[in-house]
Amino acid sequence: MDIYAEIAKLRQEGRKAALATIIQVQGSIPSYESSKILIRDDGSIVGTVGGGCVEAEVWSVAQDVMREEKPRRLHFNLNAHPEYDTGLVCGGSLDIFIEPILATPTLYLFGGGHVSLAVSKVAHLAGFDIVVADDREAFANKERFPNAVETHAREWAETFPLLKPNEFSYLVIATRGHKGDLECLRWAVSTPARYIGMVGSKRKLIEFYKVLESEGIPATQLERVHSPVGLDIGALTPEEIAVSVVAEMIAVRRGAAPSLPSLSYQPKALKNSDE
């Protein structure tokens, strides 16, 4: 099986993996420089870096690499640690670089207005795939969003079943009105998306929380929402708002900020807030 073809397949499926490559060799080892092993998120493997205890440790560290989404470098001295040897008494040493294989992050924009248009441009430059949905065809089409991989123009209830967000997905809600925002938020909090943001004030969010809690949606789902969306940089124009939104998404993606908002949802504390 071709490792690179398998990597492409896993990324398309939205799955994680880790690719380990021998990047430096000294002396004799039971493999060769540049040999690779791909460890999938289900623990299965493709390829080899020599087998034995070396491969077992690489497999173990690969689990951390996938979870943390950060690369690691390992050094093995087969002479100093004979337990790494496969029985050939090689006596060399090797370095292995393990890198995470991740799906391309996808931004789902709900609403095709001026803010979403600006956000799509900045997010595309930052490496996100773009999917746009609106209940108006004039606001969700390839002419308006040329960088989008998908556009959906239909009623919200008809759009949701067509979308398959996963842990690499980022959802930003900016429809033309409160009704659409609430409908999209109700669906969004049930998804495994890594990030959920909604344009609007804290007061609007509180009112939405009251409605959704009355419908039985647990607070643990609601407290995932970033609203007002974006980092607080004093943004005013659609372009400035876009920078703040994408910056927050990048911070979550790179682990520079928690995936949950800094101010978790506290219904009693926020009940009388007018912000």
C-alpha atoms as a PDB file:
ATOM      1  CA  MET A   1       0.000   0.000   0.000  1.00  0.00           C
ATOM      2  CA  ASP A   2       1.314   3.456  -0.931  1.00  0.00           C
ATOM      3  CA  ILE A   3       1.767   5.547   2.230  1.00  0.00           C
ATOM      4  CA  TYR A   4       1.141   8.873   0.496  1.00  0.00           C
ATOM      5  CA  ALA A   5      -2.065   7.619  -1.114  1.00  0.00           C
ATOM      6  CA  GLU A   6      -3.214   6.435   2.307  1.00  0.00           C
ATOM      7  CA  ILE A   7      -2.390   9.839   3.836  1.00  0.00           C
ATOM      8  CA  ALA A   8      -4.518  11.551   1.177  1.00  0.00           C
ATOM      9  CA  LYS A   9      -7.356   9.125   1.872  1.00  0.00           C
ATOM     10  CA  LEU A  10      -7.216   9.684   5.645  1.00  0.00           C
ATOM     11  CA  ARG A  11      -7.184  13.466   5.257  1.00  0.00           C
ATOM     12  CA  GLN A  12     -10.173  13.302   2.941  1.00  0.00           C
ATOM     13  CA  GLU A  13     -12.019  11.214   5.530  1.00  0.00           C
ATOM     14  CA  GLY A  14     -11.203  13.724   8.276  1.00  0.00           C
ATOM     15  CA  ARG A  15      -9.087  11.252  10.254  1.00  0.00           C
ATOM     16  CA  LYS A  16      -5.838  11.639  12.160  1.00  0.00           C
ATOM     17  CA  ALA A  17      -2.585   9.774  11.685  1.00  0.00           C
ATOM     18  CA  ALA A  18       1.127  10.125  12.430  1.00  0.00           C
ATOM     19  CA  LEU A  19       3.964   9.649   9.967  1.00  0.00           C
ATOM     20  CA  ALA A  20       7.316   8.474  11.349  1.00  0.00           C
ATOM     21  CA  THR A  21      10.429   8.802   9.172  1.00  0.00           C
ATOM     22  CA  ILE A  22      14.021   7.756   9.858  1.00  0.00           C
ATOM     23  CA  ILE A  23      15.864  11.026   9.261  1.00  0.00           C
ATOM     24  CA  GLN A  24      19.387  10.188  10.455  1.00  0.00           C
ATOM     25  CA  VAL A  25      21.403   6.974  10.708  1.00  0.00           C
ATOM     26  CA  GLN A  26      24.807   6.192  12.171  1.00  0.00           C
ATOM     27  CA  GLY A  27      26.320   2.746  11.884  1.00  0.00           C
ATOM     28  CA  SER A  28      24.299  -0.332  11.109  1.00  0.00           C
ATOM     29  CA  ILE A  29      20.550  -0.483  11.815  1.00  0.00           C
ATOM     30  CA  PRO A  30      17.826  -2.962  10.788  1.00  0.00           C
ATOM     31  CA  SER A  31      16.338  -0.470   8.309  1.00  0.00           C
ATOM     32  CA  TYR A  32      17.467   2.500   6.197  1.00  0.00           C
ATOM     33  CA  GLU A  33      17.329   6.274   6.215  1.00  0.00           C
ATOM     34  CA  SER A  34      14.027   7.723   4.907  1.00  0.00           C
ATOM     35  CA  SER A  35      12.035   4.548   5.668  1.00  0.00           C
ATOM     36  CA  LYS A  36       8.582   5.361   7.009  1.00  0.00           C
ATOM     37  CA  ILE A  37       5.708   4.018   9.008  1.00  0.00           C
ATOM     38  CA  LEU A  38       2.204   5.501   9.069  1.00  0.00           C
ATOM     39  CA  ILE A  39       0.193   4.996  12.252  1.00  0.00           C
ATOM     40  CA  ARG A  40      -3.529   5.531  11.803  1.00  0.00           C
ATOM     41  CA  ASP A  41      -5.884   6.836  14.504  1.00  0.00           C
ATOM     42  CA  ASP A  42      -7.283   3.317  14.966  1.00  0.00           C
ATOM     43  CA  GLY A  43      -3.801   1.960  15.774  1.00  0.00           C
ATOM     44  CA  SER A  44      -3.257   0.176  12.475  1.00  0.00           C
ATOM     45  CA  ILE A  45      -0.025   0.760  10.541  1.00  0.00           C
ATOM     46  CA  VAL A  46       1.391   0.948   7.030  1.00  0.00           C
ATOM     47  CA  GLY A  47       5.127   0.538   6.385  1.00  0.00           C
ATOM     48  CA  THR A  48       7.972  -0.083   8.827  1.00  0.00           C
ATOM     49  CA  VAL A  49      11.004   1.536  10.433  1.00  0.00           C
ATOM     50  CA  GLY A  50      12.655  -1.740  11.360  1.00  0.00           C
ATOM     51  CA  GLY A  51      10.250  -3.486  13.681  1.00  0.00           C
ATOM     52  CA  GLY A  52      10.993  -4.602  17.223  1.00  0.00           C
ATOM     53  CA  CYS A  53      11.051  -2.313  20.238  1.00  0.00           C
ATOM     54  CA  VAL A  54      11.945   0.738  18.145  1.00  0.00           C
ATOM     55  CA  GLU A  55       8.727   0.423  16.225  1.00  0.00           C
ATOM     56  CA  ALA A  56       6.755  -0.278  19.386  1.00  0.00           C
ATOM     57  CA  GLU A  57       7.998   2.950  20.971  1.00  0.00           C
ATOM     58  CA  VAL A  58       7.343   4.909  17.784  1.00  0.00           C
ATOM     59  CA  TRP A  59       3.783   3.576  17.789  1.00  0.00           C
ATOM     60  CA  SER A  60       3.342   4.650  21.411  1.00  0.00           C
ATOM     61  CA  VAL A  61       4.722   8.172  20.876  1.00  0.00           C
ATOM     62  CA  ALA A  62       2.596   8.504  17.733  1.00  0.00           C
ATOM     63  CA  GLN A  63      -0.500   8.389  19.940  1.00  0.00           C
ATOM     64  CA  ASP A  64       0.750  11.508  21.759  1.00  0.00           C
ATOM     65  CA  VAL A  65       1.628  13.201  18.465  1.00  0.00           C
ATOM     66  CA  MET A  66      -1.897  12.657  17.177  1.00  0.00           C
ATOM     67  CA  ARG A  67      -3.486  13.839  20.400  1.00  0.00           C
ATOM     68  CA  GLU A  68      -1.287  16.922  20.796  1.00  0.00           C
ATOM     69  CA  GLU A  69      -1.057  17.598  17.041  1.00  0.00           C
ATOM     70  CA  LYS A  70       2.621  18.441  17.473  1.00  0.00           C
ATOM     71  CA  PRO A  71       5.690  16.651  16.013  1.00  0.00           C
ATOM     72  CA  ARG A  72       8.305  14.778  18.058  1.00  0.00           C
ATOM     73  CA  ARG A  73      11.864  13.607  17.382  1.00  0.00           C
ATOM     74  CA  LEU A  74      13.180  10.373  18.898  1.00  0.00           C
ATOM     75  CA  HIS A  75      16.754   9.096  19.192  1.00  0.00           C
ATOM     76  CA  PHE A  76      17.578   5.409  19.507  1.00  0.00           C
ATOM     77  CA  ASN A  77      21.048   4.083  20.382  1.00  0.00           C
ATOM     78  CA  LEU A  78      20.939   0.374  19.585  1.00  0.00           C
ATOM     79  CA  ASN A  79      24.368  -0.205  21.063  1.00  0.00           C
ATOM     80  CA  ALA A  80      23.586   1.425  24.413  1.00  0.00           C
ATOM     81  CA  HIS A  81      20.111  -0.089  24.540  1.00  0.00           C
ATOM     82  CA  PRO A  82      20.235  -3.617  23.143  1.00  0.00           C
ATOM     83  CA  GLU A  83      16.537  -4.091  23.824  1.00  0.00           C
ATOM     84  CA  TYR A  84      15.905  -1.942  20.721  1.00  0.00           C
ATOM     85  CA  ASP A  85      17.831  -4.406  18.565  1.00  0.00           C
ATOM     86  CA  THR A  86      15.860  -6.915  16.499  1.00  0.00           C
ATOM     87  CA  GLY A  87      18.395  -9.653  16.955  1.00  0.00           C
ATOM     88  CA  LEU A  88      20.818  -8.630  14.220  1.00  0.00           C
ATOM     89  CA  VAL A  89      23.192  -6.945  16.691  1.00  0.00           C
ATOM     90  CA  CYS A  90      23.355  -3.844  14.531  1.00  0.00           C
ATOM     91  CA  GLY A  91      24.911  -1.511  17.055  1.00  0.00           C
ATOM     92  CA  GLY A  92      24.068   1.727  15.262  1.00  0.00           C
ATOM     93  CA  SER A  93      21.843   4.650  16.152  1.00  0.00           C
ATOM     94  CA  LEU A  94      18.984   6.400  14.427  1.00  0.00           C
ATOM     95  CA  ASP A  95      16.754   9.432  14.733  1.00  0.00           C
ATOM     96  CA  ILE A  96      13.070   9.284  13.856  1.00  0.00           C
ATOM     97  CA  PHE A  97      10.845  12.280  13.192  1.00  0.00           C
ATOM     98  CA  ILE A  98       7.134  11.774  13.935  1.00  0.00           C
ATOM     99  CA  GLU A  99       4.723  14.313  12.494  1.00  0.00           C
ATOM    100  CA  PRO A 100       0.948  14.562  12.805  1.00  0.00           C
ATOM    101  CA  ILE A 101      -1.182  13.994   9.736  1.00  0.00           C
ATOM    102  CA  LEU A 102      -4.324  16.072  10.016  1.00  0.00           C
ATOM    103  CA  ALA A 103      -7.287  16.834   7.824  1.00  0.00           C
ATOM    104  CA  THR A 104      -7.473  20.294   6.281  1.00  0.00           C
ATOM    105  CA  PRO A 105      -9.545  22.459   8.654  1.00  0.00           C
ATOM    106  CA  THR A 106     -12.927  23.420   7.218  1.00  0.00           C
ATOM    107  CA  LEU A 107     -14.781  26.622   8.010  1.00  0.00           C
ATOM    108  CA  TYR A 108     -18.560  26.457   7.699  1.00  0.00           C
ATOM    109  CA  LEU A 109     -20.070  29.905   7.284  1.00  0.00           C
ATOM    110  CA  PHE A 110     -23.779  30.212   8.016  1.00  0.00           C
ATOM    111  CA  GLY A 111     -24.914  33.359   6.268  1.00  0.00           C
ATOM    112  CA  GLY A 112     -23.386  34.856   3.156  1.00  0.00           C
ATOM    113  CA  GLY A 113     -23.453  38.533   4.094  1.00  0.00           C
ATOM    114  CA  HIS A 114     -20.644  41.081   4.135  1.00  0.00           C
ATOM    115  CA  VAL A 115     -19.035  39.751   7.334  1.00  0.00           C
ATOM    116  CA  SER A 116     -18.980  36.172   6.029  1.00  0.00           C
ATOM    117  CA  LEU A 117     -17.571  37.385   2.722  1.00  0.00           C
ATOM    118  CA  ALA A 118     -14.633  39.015   4.519  1.00  0.00           C
ATOM    119  CA  VAL A 119     -14.145  36.051   6.858  1.00  0.00           C
ATOM    120  CA  SER A 120     -14.035  33.642   3.910  1.00  0.00           C
ATOM    121  CA  LYS A 121     -11.213  35.597   2.259  1.00  0.00           C
ATOM    122  CA  VAL A 122      -9.051  35.748   5.385  1.00  0.00           C
ATOM    123  CA  ALA A 123      -9.753  32.114   6.328  1.00  0.00           C
ATOM    124  CA  HIS A 124      -8.847  30.934   2.829  1.00  0.00           C
ATOM    125  CA  LEU A 125      -5.487  32.695   3.088  1.00  0.00           C
ATOM    126  CA  ALA A 126      -4.963  31.001   6.467  1.00  0.00           C
ATOM    127  CA  GLY A 127      -5.418  27.539   4.952  1.00  0.00           C
ATOM    128  CA  PHE A 128      -9.055  26.729   5.726  1.00  0.00           C
ATOM    129  CA  ASP A 129     -11.416  25.071   3.279  1.00  0.00           C
ATOM    130  CA  ILE A 130     -14.599  27.130   3.031  1.00  0.00           C
ATOM    131  CA  VAL A 131     -18.215  25.945   2.981  1.00  0.00           C
ATOM    132  CA  VAL A 132     -20.931  28.604   2.742  1.00  0.00           C
ATOM    133  CA  ALA A 133     -24.626  28.181   3.499  1.00  0.00           C
ATOM    134  CA  ASP A 134     -27.453  30.682   3.249  1.00  0.00           C
ATOM    135  CA  ASP A 135     -31.186  30.450   2.727  1.00  0.00           C
ATOM    136  CA  ARG A 136     -30.861  32.849  -0.232  1.00  0.00           C
ATOM    137  CA  GLU A 137     -29.284  31.743  -3.500  1.00  0.00           C
ATOM    138  CA  ALA A 138     -27.937  35.227  -4.203  1.00  0.00           C
ATOM    139  CA  PHE A 139     -25.804  35.014  -1.044  1.00  0.00           C
ATOM    140  CA  ALA A 140     -24.465  31.455  -1.383  1.00  0.00           C
ATOM    141  CA  ASN A 141     -22.982  30.794  -4.791  1.00  0.00           C
ATOM    142  CA  LYS A 142     -19.583  30.280  -6.412  1.00  0.00           C
ATOM    143  CA  GLU A 143     -19.599  33.725  -8.010  1.00  0.00           C
ATOM    144  CA  ARG A 144     -19.870  35.426  -4.621  1.00  0.00           C
ATOM    145  CA  PHE A 145     -17.567  32.936  -2.862  1.00  0.00           C
ATOM    146  CA  PRO A 146     -15.098  31.738  -5.520  1.00  0.00           C
ATOM    147  CA  ASN A 147     -12.803  30.122  -2.944  1.00  0.00           C
ATOM    148  CA  ALA A 148     -15.553  27.977  -1.401  1.00  0.00           C
ATOM    149  CA  VAL A 149     -15.354  24.221  -1.875  1.00  0.00           C
ATOM    150  CA  GLU A 150     -19.129  24.027  -1.367  1.00  0.00           C
ATOM    151  CA  THR A 151     -22.059  26.424  -1.338  1.00  0.00           C
ATOM    152  CA  HIS A 152     -25.570  25.577  -0.159  1.00  0.00           C
ATOM    153  CA  ALA A 153     -28.598  27.743  -0.887  1.00  0.00           C
ATOM    154  CA  ARG A 154     -31.745  26.248   0.645  1.00  0.00           C
ATOM    155  CA  GLU A 155     -33.748  26.282   3.849  1.00  0.00           C
ATOM    156  CA  TRP A 156     -31.601  25.633   6.934  1.00  0.00           C
ATOM    157  CA  ALA A 157     -33.395  22.409   7.805  1.00  0.00           C
ATOM    158  CA  GLU A 158     -32.579  21.105   4.329  1.00  0.00           C
ATOM    159  CA  THR A 159     -28.924  22.170   4.542  1.00  0.00           C
ATOM    160  CA  PHE A 160     -27.929  20.630   7.870  1.00  0.00           C
ATOM    161  CA  PRO A 161     -28.193  16.962   6.749  1.00  0.00           C
ATOM    162  CA  LEU A 162     -25.807  17.755   3.863  1.00  0.00           C
ATOM    163  CA  LEU A 163     -23.021  18.938   6.175  1.00  0.00           C
ATOM    164  CA  LYS A 164     -20.647  16.576   7.974  1.00  0.00           C
ATOM    165  CA  PRO A 165     -18.590  18.636  10.452  1.00  0.00           C
ATOM    166  CA  ASN A 166     -15.910  16.796  12.432  1.00  0.00           C
ATOM    167  CA  GLU A 167     -13.213  17.681  14.965  1.00  0.00           C
ATOM    168  CA  PHE A 168     -11.381  19.676  12.289  1.00  0.00           C
ATOM    169  CA  SER A 169     -14.425  21.854  11.612  1.00  0.00           C
ATOM    170  CA  TYR A 170     -15.014  25.490  12.558  1.00  0.00           C
ATOM    171  CA  LEU A 171     -18.540  26.923  12.482  1.00  0.00           C
ATOM    172  CA  VAL A 172     -19.293  30.650  12.289  1.00  0.00           C
ATOM    173  CA  ILE A 173     -22.918  31.781  12.459  1.00  0.00           C
ATOM    174  CA  ALA A 174     -23.771  35.130  10.884  1.00  0.00           C
ATOM    175  CA  THR A 175     -27.159  34.797   9.218  1.00  0.00           C
ATOM    176  CA  ARG A 176     -29.446  37.681   8.267  1.00  0.00           C
ATOM    177  CA  GLY A 177     -31.511  37.534  11.450  1.00  0.00           C
ATOM    178  CA  HIS A 178     -32.041  36.121  14.949  1.00  0.00           C
ATOM    179  CA  LYS A 179     -34.313  33.338  13.688  1.00  0.00           C
ATOM    180  CA  GLY A 180     -31.652  31.953  11.374  1.00  0.00           C
ATOM    181  CA  ASP A 181     -28.917  32.368  13.999  1.00  0.00           C
ATOM    182  CA  LEU A 182     -30.935  30.446  16.565  1.00  0.00           C
ATOM    183  CA  GLU A 183     -31.784  27.671  14.121  1.00  0.00           C
ATOM    184  CA  CYS A 184     -28.123  27.296  13.144  1.00  0.00           C
ATOM    185  CA  LEU A 185     -26.901  27.464  16.745  1.00  0.00           C
ATOM    186  CA  ARG A 186     -29.374  24.768  17.814  1.00  0.00           C
ATOM    187  CA  TRP A 187     -27.856  22.442  15.205  1.00  0.00           C
ATOM    188  CA  ALA A 188     -24.236  23.550  15.665  1.00  0.00           C
ATOM    189  CA  VAL A 189     -23.971  22.708  19.374  1.00  0.00           C
ATOM    190  CA  SER A 190     -24.906  19.095  18.596  1.00  0.00           C
ATOM    191  CA  THR A 191     -21.927  18.655  16.260  1.00  0.00           C
ATOM    192  CA  PRO A 192     -18.338  17.602  17.112  1.00  0.00           C
ATOM    193  CA  ALA A 193     -16.952  20.840  15.616  1.00  0.00           C
ATOM    194  CA  ARG A 194     -13.812  22.150  17.298  1.00  0.00           C
ATOM    195  CA  TYR A 195     -15.012  25.742  17.211  1.00  0.00           C
ATOM    196  CA  ILE A 196     -18.446  27.375  17.217  1.00  0.00           C
ATOM    197  CA  GLY A 197     -18.705  31.154  16.934  1.00  0.00           C
ATOM    198  CA  MET A 198     -21.707  33.432  16.549  1.00  0.00           C
ATOM    199  CA  VAL A 199     -21.886  37.100  15.634  1.00  0.00           C
ATOM    200  CA  GLY A 200     -23.854  39.105  18.176  1.00  0.00           C
ATOM    201  CA  SER A 201     -23.897  40.560  21.675  1.00  0.00           C
ATOM    202  CA  LYS A 202     -23.692  38.731  24.970  1.00  0.00           C
ATOM    203  CA  ARG A 203     -27.295  39.694  25.625  1.00  0.00           C
ATOM    204  CA  LYS A 204     -28.367  37.960  22.419  1.00  0.00           C
ATOM    205  CA  LEU A 205     -26.428  34.870  23.413  1.00  0.00           C
ATOM    206  CA  ILE A 206     -28.070  34.803  26.837  1.00  0.00           C
ATOM    207  CA  GLU A 207     -31.537  34.965  25.291  1.00  0.00           C
ATOM    208  CA  PHE A 208     -30.638  32.117  22.939  1.00  0.00           C
ATOM    209  CA  TYR A 209     -29.323  30.069  25.867  1.00  0.00           C
ATOM    210  CA  LYS A 210     -32.634  30.472  27.679  1.00  0.00           C
ATOM    211  CA  VAL A 211     -34.549  29.199  24.654  1.00  0.00           C
ATOM    212  CA  LEU A 212     -32.250  26.254  24.018  1.00  0.00           C
ATOM    213  CA  GLU A 213     -32.068  25.240  27.678  1.00  0.00           C
ATOM    214  CA  SER A 214     -35.872  25.234  27.787  1.00  0.00           C
ATOM    215  CA  GLU A 215     -35.724  22.766  24.902  1.00  0.00           C
ATOM    216  CA  GLY A 216     -33.510  20.449  26.932  1.00  0.00           C
ATOM    217  CA  ILE A 217     -30.123  21.254  25.416  1.00  0.00           C
ATOM    218  CA  PRO A 218     -27.530  20.843  28.199  1.00  0.00           C
ATOM    219  CA  ALA A 219     -25.320  23.732  29.313  1.00  0.00           C
ATOM    220  CA  THR A 220     -22.214  21.678  28.474  1.00  0.00           C
ATOM    221  CA  GLN A 221     -23.112  22.041  24.805  1.00  0.00           C
ATOM    222  CA  LEU A 222     -24.009  25.717  25.024  1.00  0.00           C
ATOM    223  CA  GLU A 223     -20.832  26.762  26.825  1.00  0.00           C
ATOM    224  CA  ARG A 224     -18.796  25.790  23.751  1.00  0.00           C
ATOM    225  CA  VAL A 225     -20.006  28.855  21.859  1.00  0.00           C
ATOM    226  CA  HIS A 226     -17.714  31.839  21.267  1.00  0.00           C
ATOM    227  CA  SER A 227     -19.952  34.896  21.210  1.00  0.00           C
ATOM    228  CA  PRO A 228     -19.314  37.698  20.566  1.00  0.00           C
ATOM    229  CA  VAL A 229     -17.187  35.877  18.015  1.00  0.00           C
ATOM    230  CA  GLY A 230     -13.519  36.724  17.495  1.00  0.00           C
ATOM    231  CA  LEU A 231     -10.696  38.139  19.580  1.00  0.00           C
ATOM    232  CA  ASP A 232     -11.327  41.506  21.186  1.00  0.00           C
ATOM    233  CA  ILE A 233      -9.166  43.791  19.045  1.00  0.00           C
ATOM    234  CA  GLY A 234     -11.640  46.651  18.763  1.00  0.00           C
ATOM    235  CA  ALA A 235     -12.724  45.545  15.283  1.00  0.00           C
ATOM    236  CA  LEU A 236     -15.383  47.649  13.550  1.00  0.00           C
ATOM    237  CA  THR A 237     -15.331  46.999   9.796  1.00  0.00           C
ATOM    238  CA  PRO A 238     -16.187  43.614   8.219  1.00  0.00           C
ATOM    239  CA  GLU A 239     -12.525  43.180   7.301  1.00  0.00           C
ATOM    240  CA  GLU A 240     -11.340  43.897  10.846  1.00  0.00           C
ATOM    241  CA  ILE A 241     -13.985  41.546  12.248  1.00  0.00           C
ATOM    242  CA  ALA A 242     -12.775  38.877   9.824  1.00  0.00           C
ATOM    243  CA  VAL A 243      -9.213  39.222  11.117  1.00  0.00           C
ATOM    244  CA  SER A 244     -10.399  38.870  14.723  1.00  0.00           C
ATOM    245  CA  VAL A 245     -12.538  35.809  13.928  1.00  0.00           C
ATOM    246  CA  VAL A 246      -9.876  33.953  11.957  1.00  0.00           C
ATOM    247  CA  ALA A 247      -7.241  34.853  14.574  1.00  0.00           C
ATOM    248  CA  GLU A 248      -9.407  33.220  17.241  1.00  0.00           C
ATOM    249  CA  MET A 249      -9.875  30.155  15.061  1.00  0.00           C
ATOM    250  CA  ILE A 250      -6.122  29.886  14.519  1.00  0.00           C
ATOM    251  CA  ALA A 251      -5.505  30.233  18.263  1.00  0.00           C
ATOM    252  CA  VAL A 252      -7.871  27.334  18.901  1.00  0.00           C
ATOM    253  CA  ARG A 253      -6.396  25.303  16.047  1.00  0.00           C
ATOM    254  CA  ARG A 254      -2.807  25.741  17.246  1.00  0.00           C
ATOM    255  CA  GLY A 255      -3.556  25.269  20.920  1.00  0.00           C
ATOM    256  CA  ALA A 256      -2.666  28.871  21.763  1.00  0.00           C
ATOM    257  CA  ALA A 257      -6.142  29.293  23.249  1.00  0.00           C
ATOM    258  CA  PRO A 258      -8.551  26.824  24.840  1.00  0.00           C
ATOM    259  CA  SER A 259     -11.222  25.353  22.595  1.00  0.00           C
ATOM    260  CA  LEU A 260     -13.790  26.686  25.041  1.00  0.00           C
ATOM    261  CA  PRO A 261     -14.450  30.415  25.433  1.00  0.00           C
ATOM    262  CA  SER A 262     -12.512  32.097  28.228  1.00  0.00           C
ATOM    263  CA  LEU A 263     -15.839  33.082  29.788  1.00  0.00           C
ATOM    264  CA  SER A 264     -17.770  29.848  30.165  1.00  0.00           C
ATOM    265  CA  TYR A 265     -21.535  29.977  30.128  1.00  0.00           C
ATOM    266  CA  GLN A 266     -22.881  30.661  33.605  1.00  0.00           C
ATOM    267  CA  PRO A 267     -26.633  31.198  33.358  1.00  0.00           C
ATOM    268  CA  LYS A 268     -27.110  32.599  36.852  1.00  0.00           C
ATOM    269  CA  ALA A 269     -24.151  34.972  36.662  1.00  0.00           C
ATOM    270  CA  LEU A 270     -25.185  36.283  33.269  1.00  0.00           C
ATOM    271  CA  LYS A 271     -28.926  36.257  33.788  1.00  0.00           C
ATOM    272  CA  ASN A 272     -29.247  39.996  34.349  1.00  0.00           C
ATOM    273  CA  SER A 273     -26.367  41.090  32.119  1.00  0.00           C
ATOM    274  CA  ASP A 274     -27.179  43.800  29.577  1.00  0.00           C
ATOM    275  CA  GLU A 275     -23.890  43.495  27.716  1.00  0.00           C
END
